[in-house]
Amino acid sequence: MGNPIALLLDEPSEGLAPIVVQRIGELLRRLRDMGATVLIAEQNMHFCLRIATEATVIDKGQIVFRDTIEGLRANARIRQRYLAIRLSRASPEGGFHGQHVVAADGEFHSPP
Protein backbone atom coordinates (compact mmCIF):
# COMPACT_ATOMS: atom_id res chain seq x y z
CA MET A 1 0.00 0.00 0.00
CA GLY A 2 2.98 2.33 0.34
CA ASN A 3 2.70 5.36 2.61
CA PRO A 4 -0.81 6.75 2.14
CA ILE A 5 -1.64 10.26 3.32
CA ALA A 6 -5.36 9.47 3.08
CA LEU A 7 -7.32 6.24 3.09
CA LEU A 8 -11.06 5.92 2.38
CA LEU A 9 -12.75 2.71 3.52
CA ASP A 10 -16.37 1.64 3.05
CA GLU A 11 -17.57 -0.92 5.63
CA PRO A 12 -14.12 -2.44 6.31
CA SER A 13 -15.53 -4.75 9.00
CA GLU A 14 -18.49 -6.09 6.99
CA GLY A 15 -18.72 -9.88 6.99
CA LEU A 16 -15.33 -10.50 8.56
CA ALA A 17 -14.39 -12.67 11.51
CA PRO A 18 -13.95 -10.73 14.76
CA ILE A 19 -10.22 -11.49 14.90
CA VAL A 20 -9.77 -10.06 11.39
CA VAL A 21 -11.78 -6.95 12.31
CA GLN A 22 -9.56 -6.51 15.36
CA ARG A 23 -6.41 -6.74 13.24
CA ILE A 24 -7.78 -4.23 10.70
CA GLY A 25 -8.52 -1.86 13.58
CA GLU A 26 -4.95 -2.19 14.85
CA LEU A 27 -3.55 -1.43 11.40
CA LEU A 28 -5.85 1.58 10.93
CA ARG A 29 -4.82 3.00 14.32
CA ARG A 30 -1.16 2.61 13.33
CA LEU A 31 -1.76 4.43 10.04
CA ARG A 32 -3.64 7.19 11.89
CA ASP A 33 -0.83 7.51 14.43
CA MET A 34 1.69 7.80 11.58
CA GLY A 35 -0.21 10.84 10.29
CA ALA A 36 -2.47 9.34 7.64
CA THR A 37 -6.06 10.54 7.38
CA VAL A 38 -8.43 7.57 7.58
CA LEU A 39 -12.05 8.16 6.55
CA ILE A 40 -14.34 5.24 7.39
CA ALA A 41 -17.98 4.77 6.35
CA GLU A 42 -19.06 2.09 8.81
CA GLN A 43 -22.15 0.85 10.64
CA ASN A 44 -20.18 -1.06 13.29
CA MET A 45 -20.00 1.61 15.99
CA HIS A 46 -17.82 -0.44 18.32
CA PHE A 47 -15.21 -0.73 15.56
CA CYS A 48 -15.33 3.01 14.85
CA LEU A 49 -15.23 4.14 18.47
CA ARG A 50 -11.91 2.35 18.95
CA ILE A 51 -10.33 4.02 15.91
CA ALA A 52 -11.86 7.41 15.23
CA THR A 53 -11.06 10.77 16.79
CA GLU A 54 -14.02 12.52 15.13
CA ALA A 55 -17.55 11.39 14.21
CA THR A 56 -20.12 12.49 11.66
CA VAL A 57 -23.62 11.02 11.75
CA ILE A 58 -25.54 11.16 8.48
CA ASP A 59 -29.30 10.57 8.25
CA LYS A 60 -31.06 10.51 4.87
CA GLY A 61 -28.13 12.26 3.23
CA GLN A 62 -27.93 15.10 5.77
CA ILE A 63 -25.27 15.62 8.43
CA VAL A 64 -27.15 15.58 11.75
CA PHE A 65 -24.13 15.51 14.08
CA ARG A 66 -20.44 16.29 13.85
CA ASP A 67 -18.06 16.33 16.81
CA THR A 68 -15.23 14.48 18.50
CA ILE A 69 -15.69 10.90 19.68
CA GLU A 70 -15.83 12.26 23.23
CA GLY A 71 -18.63 14.60 22.13
CA LEU A 72 -20.51 11.67 20.60
CA ARG A 73 -20.13 9.62 23.76
CA ALA A 74 -21.44 12.57 25.80
CA ASN A 75 -24.48 13.17 23.56
CA ALA A 76 -27.09 10.66 24.73
CA ARG A 77 -29.78 12.12 22.45
CA ILE A 78 -27.78 11.53 19.25
CA ARG A 79 -26.67 8.06 20.38
CA GLN A 80 -30.24 7.08 21.26
CA ARG A 81 -31.85 8.50 18.14
CA TYR A 82 -29.36 7.52 15.44
CA LEU A 83 -26.98 4.89 16.79
CA ALA A 84 -29.15 2.53 18.84
CA ILE A 85 -30.35 -0.88 17.73
CA ARG A 86 -33.69 -2.05 19.07
CA LEU A 87 -33.87 -5.73 19.94
CA SER A 88 -36.83 -7.83 20.98
CA ARG A 89 -36.42 -9.79 24.18
CA ALA A 90 -37.25 -13.50 24.27
CA SER A 91 -40.00 -14.48 26.68
CA PRO A 92 -39.82 -17.66 28.82
CA GLU A 93 -42.49 -19.17 26.55
CA GLY A 94 -40.15 -18.89 23.56
CA GLY A 95 -41.84 -15.88 21.93
CA PHE A 96 -40.60 -12.32 21.79
CA HIS A 97 -41.92 -9.32 23.67
CA GLY A 98 -40.74 -5.90 24.74
CA GLN A 99 -37.80 -4.03 23.34
CA HIS A 100 -34.34 -3.20 24.57
CA VAL A 101 -31.79 -0.85 23.12
CA VAL A 102 -28.12 -1.50 22.55
CA ALA A 103 -26.58 1.95 22.35
CA ALA A 104 -23.38 2.99 20.60
CA ASP A 105 -21.58 2.80 23.94
CA GLY A 106 -22.38 -0.93 24.01
CA GLU A 107 -24.74 -0.62 26.98
CA PHE A 108 -27.99 -2.61 27.04
CA HIS A 109 -30.97 -0.44 28.11
CA SER A 110 -34.73 -0.73 28.39
CA PRO A 111 -36.41 2.09 26.47
CA PRO A 112 -37.99 4.90 28.55
C-alpha atoms as a PDB file:
ATOM      1  CA  MET A   1       0.000   0.000   0.000  1.00  0.00           C
ATOM      2  CA  GLY A   2       2.983   2.326   0.342  1.00  0.00           C
ATOM      3  CA  ASN A   3       2.701   5.359   2.608  1.00  0.00           C
ATOM      4  CA  PRO A   4      -0.808   6.749   2.137  1.00  0.00           C
ATOM      5  CA  ILE A   5      -1.640  10.259   3.319  1.00  0.00           C
ATOM      6  CA  ALA A   6      -5.355   9.470   3.080  1.00  0.00           C
ATOM      7  CA  LEU A   7      -7.317   6.239   3.088  1.00  0.00           C
ATOM      8  CA  LEU A   8     -11.056   5.924   2.376  1.00  0.00           C
ATOM      9  CA  LEU A   9     -12.754   2.710   3.522  1.00  0.00           C
ATOM     10  CA  ASP A  10     -16.372   1.638   3.045  1.00  0.00           C
ATOM     11  CA  GLU A  11     -17.568  -0.920   5.628  1.00  0.00           C
ATOM     12  CA  PRO A  12     -14.120  -2.435   6.311  1.00  0.00           C
ATOM     13  CA  SER A  13     -15.528  -4.753   9.003  1.00  0.00           C
ATOM     14  CA  GLU A  14     -18.492  -6.092   6.990  1.00  0.00           C
ATOM     15  CA  GLY A  15     -18.722  -9.876   6.988  1.00  0.00           C
ATOM     16  CA  LEU A  16     -15.325 -10.498   8.563  1.00  0.00           C
ATOM     17  CA  ALA A  17     -14.394 -12.668  11.508  1.00  0.00           C
ATOM     18  CA  PRO A  18     -13.947 -10.727  14.760  1.00  0.00           C
ATOM     19  CA  ILE A  19     -10.223 -11.494  14.904  1.00  0.00           C
ATOM     20  CA  VAL A  20      -9.769 -10.063  11.386  1.00  0.00           C
ATOM     21  CA  VAL A  21     -11.778  -6.953  12.306  1.00  0.00           C
ATOM     22  CA  GLN A  22      -9.560  -6.510  15.364  1.00  0.00           C
ATOM     23  CA  ARG A  23      -6.413  -6.741  13.235  1.00  0.00           C
ATOM     24  CA  ILE A  24      -7.783  -4.232  10.698  1.00  0.00           C
ATOM     25  CA  GLY A  25      -8.519  -1.860  13.582  1.00  0.00           C
ATOM     26  CA  GLU A  26      -4.954  -2.189  14.855  1.00  0.00           C
ATOM     27  CA  LEU A  27      -3.554  -1.425  11.401  1.00  0.00           C
ATOM     28  CA  LEU A  28      -5.845   1.581  10.931  1.00  0.00           C
ATOM     29  CA  ARG A  29      -4.818   3.003  14.317  1.00  0.00           C
ATOM     30  CA  ARG A  30      -1.160   2.611  13.331  1.00  0.00           C
ATOM     31  CA  LEU A  31      -1.760   4.430  10.044  1.00  0.00           C
ATOM     32  CA  ARG A  32      -3.642   7.193  11.892  1.00  0.00           C
ATOM     33  CA  ASP A  33      -0.830   7.511  14.428  1.00  0.00           C
ATOM     34  CA  MET A  34       1.693   7.804  11.576  1.00  0.00           C
ATOM     35  CA  GLY A  35      -0.207  10.845  10.293  1.00  0.00           C
ATOM     36  CA  ALA A  36      -2.475   9.340   7.635  1.00  0.00           C
ATOM     37  CA  THR A  37      -6.064  10.539   7.381  1.00  0.00           C
ATOM     38  CA  VAL A  38      -8.429   7.567   7.584  1.00  0.00           C
ATOM     39  CA  LEU A  39     -12.049   8.161   6.551  1.00  0.00           C
ATOM     40  CA  ILE A  40     -14.336   5.243   7.394  1.00  0.00           C
ATOM     41  CA  ALA A  41     -17.978   4.772   6.353  1.00  0.00           C
ATOM     42  CA  GLU A  42     -19.061   2.092   8.810  1.00  0.00           C
ATOM     43  CA  GLN A  43     -22.149   0.849  10.636  1.00  0.00           C
ATOM     44  CA  ASN A  44     -20.177  -1.063  13.292  1.00  0.00           C
ATOM     45  CA  MET A  45     -19.997   1.614  15.986  1.00  0.00           C
ATOM     46  CA  HIS A  46     -17.817  -0.438  18.321  1.00  0.00           C
ATOM     47  CA  PHE A  47     -15.211  -0.726  15.564  1.00  0.00           C
ATOM     48  CA  CYS A  48     -15.334   3.014  14.847  1.00  0.00           C
ATOM     49  CA  LEU A  49     -15.233   4.143  18.470  1.00  0.00           C
ATOM     50  CA  ARG A  50     -11.910   2.348  18.952  1.00  0.00           C
ATOM     51  CA  ILE A  51     -10.330   4.016  15.911  1.00  0.00           C
ATOM     52  CA  ALA A  52     -11.858   7.414  15.232  1.00  0.00           C
ATOM     53  CA  THR A  53     -11.058  10.771  16.786  1.00  0.00           C
ATOM     54  CA  GLU A  54     -14.021  12.523  15.131  1.00  0.00           C
ATOM     55  CA  ALA A  55     -17.546  11.394  14.206  1.00  0.00           C
ATOM     56  CA  THR A  56     -20.119  12.494  11.660  1.00  0.00           C
ATOM     57  CA  VAL A  57     -23.619  11.019  11.751  1.00  0.00           C
ATOM     58  CA  ILE A  58     -25.543  11.164   8.484  1.00  0.00           C
ATOM     59  CA  ASP A  59     -29.296  10.566   8.250  1.00  0.00           C
ATOM     60  CA  LYS A  60     -31.058  10.513   4.874  1.00  0.00           C
ATOM     61  CA  GLY A  61     -28.129  12.264   3.226  1.00  0.00           C
ATOM     62  CA  GLN A  62     -27.930  15.101   5.774  1.00  0.00           C
ATOM     63  CA  ILE A  63     -25.269  15.618   8.430  1.00  0.00           C
ATOM     64  CA  VAL A  64     -27.146  15.575  11.753  1.00  0.00           C
ATOM     65  CA  PHE A  65     -24.128  15.506  14.077  1.00  0.00           C
ATOM     66  CA  ARG A  66     -20.439  16.288  13.852  1.00  0.00           C
ATOM     67  CA  ASP A  67     -18.063  16.334  16.813  1.00  0.00           C
ATOM     68  CA  THR A  68     -15.229  14.478  18.501  1.00  0.00           C
ATOM     69  CA  ILE A  69     -15.685  10.897  19.676  1.00  0.00           C
ATOM     70  CA  GLU A  70     -15.835  12.260  23.230  1.00  0.00           C
ATOM     71  CA  GLY A  71     -18.631  14.603  22.127  1.00  0.00           C
ATOM     72  CA  LEU A  72     -20.508  11.668  20.598  1.00  0.00           C
ATOM     73  CA  ARG A  73     -20.126   9.620  23.764  1.00  0.00           C
ATOM     74  CA  ALA A  74     -21.436  12.568  25.800  1.00  0.00           C
ATOM     75  CA  ASN A  75     -24.479  13.171  23.564  1.00  0.00           C
ATOM     76  CA  ALA A  76     -27.087  10.661  24.730  1.00  0.00           C
ATOM     77  CA  ARG A  77     -29.782  12.116  22.451  1.00  0.00           C
ATOM     78  CA  ILE A  78     -27.780  11.528  19.254  1.00  0.00           C
ATOM     79  CA  ARG A  79     -26.674   8.057  20.378  1.00  0.00           C
ATOM     80  CA  GLN A  80     -30.240   7.080  21.260  1.00  0.00           C
ATOM     81  CA  ARG A  81     -31.848   8.498  18.136  1.00  0.00           C
ATOM     82  CA  TYR A  82     -29.356   7.520  15.444  1.00  0.00           C
ATOM     83  CA  LEU A  83     -26.981   4.890  16.792  1.00  0.00           C
ATOM     84  CA  ALA A  84     -29.146   2.533  18.840  1.00  0.00           C
ATOM     85  CA  ILE A  85     -30.352  -0.884  17.735  1.00  0.00           C
ATOM     86  CA  ARG A  86     -33.695  -2.053  19.068  1.00  0.00           C
ATOM     87  CA  LEU A  87     -33.868  -5.728  19.941  1.00  0.00           C
ATOM     88  CA  SER A  88     -36.829  -7.828  20.977  1.00  0.00           C
ATOM     89  CA  ARG A  89     -36.418  -9.786  24.183  1.00  0.00           C
ATOM     90  CA  ALA A  90     -37.248 -13.502  24.275  1.00  0.00           C
ATOM     91  CA  SER A  91     -39.995 -14.484  26.682  1.00  0.00           C
ATOM     92  CA  PRO A  92     -39.816 -17.660  28.818  1.00  0.00           C
ATOM     93  CA  GLU A  93     -42.489 -19.167  26.546  1.00  0.00           C
ATOM     94  CA  GLY A  94     -40.153 -18.885  23.560  1.00  0.00           C
ATOM     95  CA  GLY A  95     -41.836 -15.881  21.929  1.00  0.00           C
ATOM     96  CA  PHE A  96     -40.595 -12.319  21.786  1.00  0.00           C
ATOM     97  CA  HIS A  97     -41.923  -9.322  23.667  1.00  0.00           C
ATOM     98  CA  GLY A  98     -40.738  -5.903  24.743  1.00  0.00           C
ATOM     99  CA  GLN A  99     -37.797  -4.027  23.336  1.00  0.00           C
ATOM    100  CA  HIS A 100     -34.340  -3.200  24.574  1.00  0.00           C
ATOM    101  CA  VAL A 101     -31.793  -0.848  23.122  1.00  0.00           C
ATOM    102  CA  VAL A 102     -28.124  -1.503  22.550  1.00  0.00           C
ATOM    103  CA  ALA A 103     -26.582   1.955  22.351  1.00  0.00           C
ATOM    104  CA  ALA A 104     -23.378   2.989  20.599  1.00  0.00           C
ATOM    105  CA  ASP A 105     -21.581   2.804  23.939  1.00  0.00           C
ATOM    106  CA  GLY A 106     -22.381  -0.929  24.011  1.00  0.00           C
ATOM    107  CA  GLU A 107     -24.736  -0.615  26.976  1.00  0.00           C
ATOM    108  CA  PHE A 108     -27.989  -2.610  27.042  1.00  0.00           C
ATOM    109  CA  HIS A 109     -30.969  -0.442  28.109  1.00  0.00           C
ATOM    110  CA  SER A 110     -34.728  -0.731  28.393  1.00  0.00           C
ATOM    111  CA  PRO A 111     -36.405   2.093  26.474  1.00  0.00           C
ATOM    112  CA  PRO A 112     -37.986   4.902  28.551  1.00  0.00           C
END
